[in-house]
Amino acid sequence: MPQQYGWRFLRAAYSRLTTARAQETAQHVLMREAIMKTSGLAERLRAAQDALRSSVG
């Protein structure tokens, strides 16, 4: 795994996908949250972070 796409990259991606932006409408926030919840992406990103973090250290 290239270091530039390690666990820190996934942590940043997780943050960008789960944190509301200042200019987001309420509809956009709800849509993003629904996508994250139904896809299971948040859990998968966390699991990938943990796997990469444990492989490094």
C-alpha atoms as a PDB file:
ATOM      1  CA  MET A   1       0.000   0.000   0.000  1.00  0.00           C
ATOM      2  CA  PRO A   2       1.540   3.352  -0.969  1.00  0.00           C
ATOM      3  CA  GLN A   3       2.135   5.439   2.142  1.00  0.00           C
ATOM      4  CA  GLN A   4       0.230   8.390   0.677  1.00  0.00           C
ATOM      5  CA  TYR A   5      -2.922   6.229   0.810  1.00  0.00           C
ATOM      6  CA  GLY A   6      -2.391   4.845   4.297  1.00  0.00           C
ATOM      7  CA  TRP A   7      -4.563   5.080   7.390  1.00  0.00           C
ATOM      8  CA  ARG A   8      -4.158   8.861   7.623  1.00  0.00           C
ATOM      9  CA  PHE A   9      -5.598   9.249   4.117  1.00  0.00           C
ATOM     10  CA  LEU A  10      -8.578   7.110   5.130  1.00  0.00           C
ATOM     11  CA  ARG A  11      -9.025   9.112   8.330  1.00  0.00           C
ATOM     12  CA  ALA A  12      -9.193  12.317   6.276  1.00  0.00           C
ATOM     13  CA  ALA A  13     -11.636  10.737   3.810  1.00  0.00           C
ATOM     14  CA  TYR A  14     -13.831   9.565   6.690  1.00  0.00           C
ATOM     15  CA  SER A  15     -13.859  13.066   8.128  1.00  0.00           C
ATOM     16  CA  ARG A  16     -14.759  14.669   4.788  1.00  0.00           C
ATOM     17  CA  LEU A  17     -17.585  12.195   4.244  1.00  0.00           C
ATOM     18  CA  THR A  18     -19.115  12.403   7.715  1.00  0.00           C
ATOM     19  CA  THR A  19     -18.704  16.062   8.690  1.00  0.00           C
ATOM     20  CA  ALA A  20     -21.277  18.615   7.583  1.00  0.00           C
ATOM     21  CA  ARG A  21     -19.977  21.620   5.700  1.00  0.00           C
ATOM     22  CA  ALA A  22     -20.966  25.176   6.555  1.00  0.00           C
ATOM     23  CA  GLN A  23     -22.786  25.754   3.256  1.00  0.00           C
ATOM     24  CA  GLU A  24     -24.614  22.414   3.071  1.00  0.00           C
ATOM     25  CA  THR A  25     -28.373  22.540   3.016  1.00  0.00           C
ATOM     26  CA  ALA A  26     -30.320  20.394   5.452  1.00  0.00           C
ATOM     27  CA  GLN A  27     -31.441  18.235   2.535  1.00  0.00           C
ATOM     28  CA  HIS A  28     -27.844  17.637   1.495  1.00  0.00           C
ATOM     29  CA  VAL A  29     -26.829  16.713   5.047  1.00  0.00           C
ATOM     30  CA  LEU A  30     -29.671  14.204   5.326  1.00  0.00           C
ATOM     31  CA  MET A  31     -28.879  12.735   1.923  1.00  0.00           C
ATOM     32  CA  ARG A  32     -25.181  12.304   2.778  1.00  0.00           C
ATOM     33  CA  GLU A  33     -26.017  10.740   6.149  1.00  0.00           C
ATOM     34  CA  ALA A  34     -28.487   8.327   4.544  1.00  0.00           C
ATOM     35  CA  ILE A  35     -25.923   7.243   1.966  1.00  0.00           C
ATOM     36  CA  MET A  36     -23.271   6.686   4.620  1.00  0.00           C
ATOM     37  CA  LYS A  37     -25.676   4.716   6.803  1.00  0.00           C
ATOM     38  CA  THR A  38     -27.193   2.485   4.121  1.00  0.00           C
ATOM     39  CA  SER A  39     -23.891   1.771   2.355  1.00  0.00           C
ATOM     40  CA  GLY A  40     -22.024   0.830   5.518  1.00  0.00           C
ATOM     41  CA  LEU A  41     -19.120   2.903   4.236  1.00  0.00           C
ATOM     42  CA  ALA A  42     -18.314   4.484   7.602  1.00  0.00           C
ATOM     43  CA  GLU A  43     -17.755   1.090   9.214  1.00  0.00           C
ATOM     44  CA  ARG A  44     -15.684  -0.131   6.283  1.00  0.00           C
ATOM     45  CA  LEU A  45     -13.481   2.964   6.350  1.00  0.00           C
ATOM     46  CA  ARG A  46     -12.902   2.487  10.091  1.00  0.00           C
ATOM     47  CA  ALA A  47     -12.051  -1.187   9.594  1.00  0.00           C
ATOM     48  CA  ALA A  48      -9.622  -0.333   6.788  1.00  0.00           C
ATOM     49  CA  GLN A  49      -8.000   2.336   8.970  1.00  0.00           C
ATOM     50  CA  ASP A  50      -7.541  -0.151  11.788  1.00  0.00           C
ATOM     51  CA  ALA A  51      -6.082  -2.780   9.464  1.00  0.00           C
ATOM     52  CA  LEU A  52      -3.611  -0.342   7.917  1.00  0.00           C
ATOM     53  CA  ARG A  53      -2.653   1.124  11.294  1.00  0.00           C
ATOM     54  CA  SER A  54      -1.931  -2.327  12.736  1.00  0.00           C
ATOM     55  CA  SER A  55       0.114  -3.350   9.698  1.00  0.00           C
ATOM     56  CA  VAL A  56       2.345  -0.276  10.026  1.00  0.00           C
ATOM     57  CA  GLY A  57       3.114  -0.559  13.722  1.00  0.00           C
END
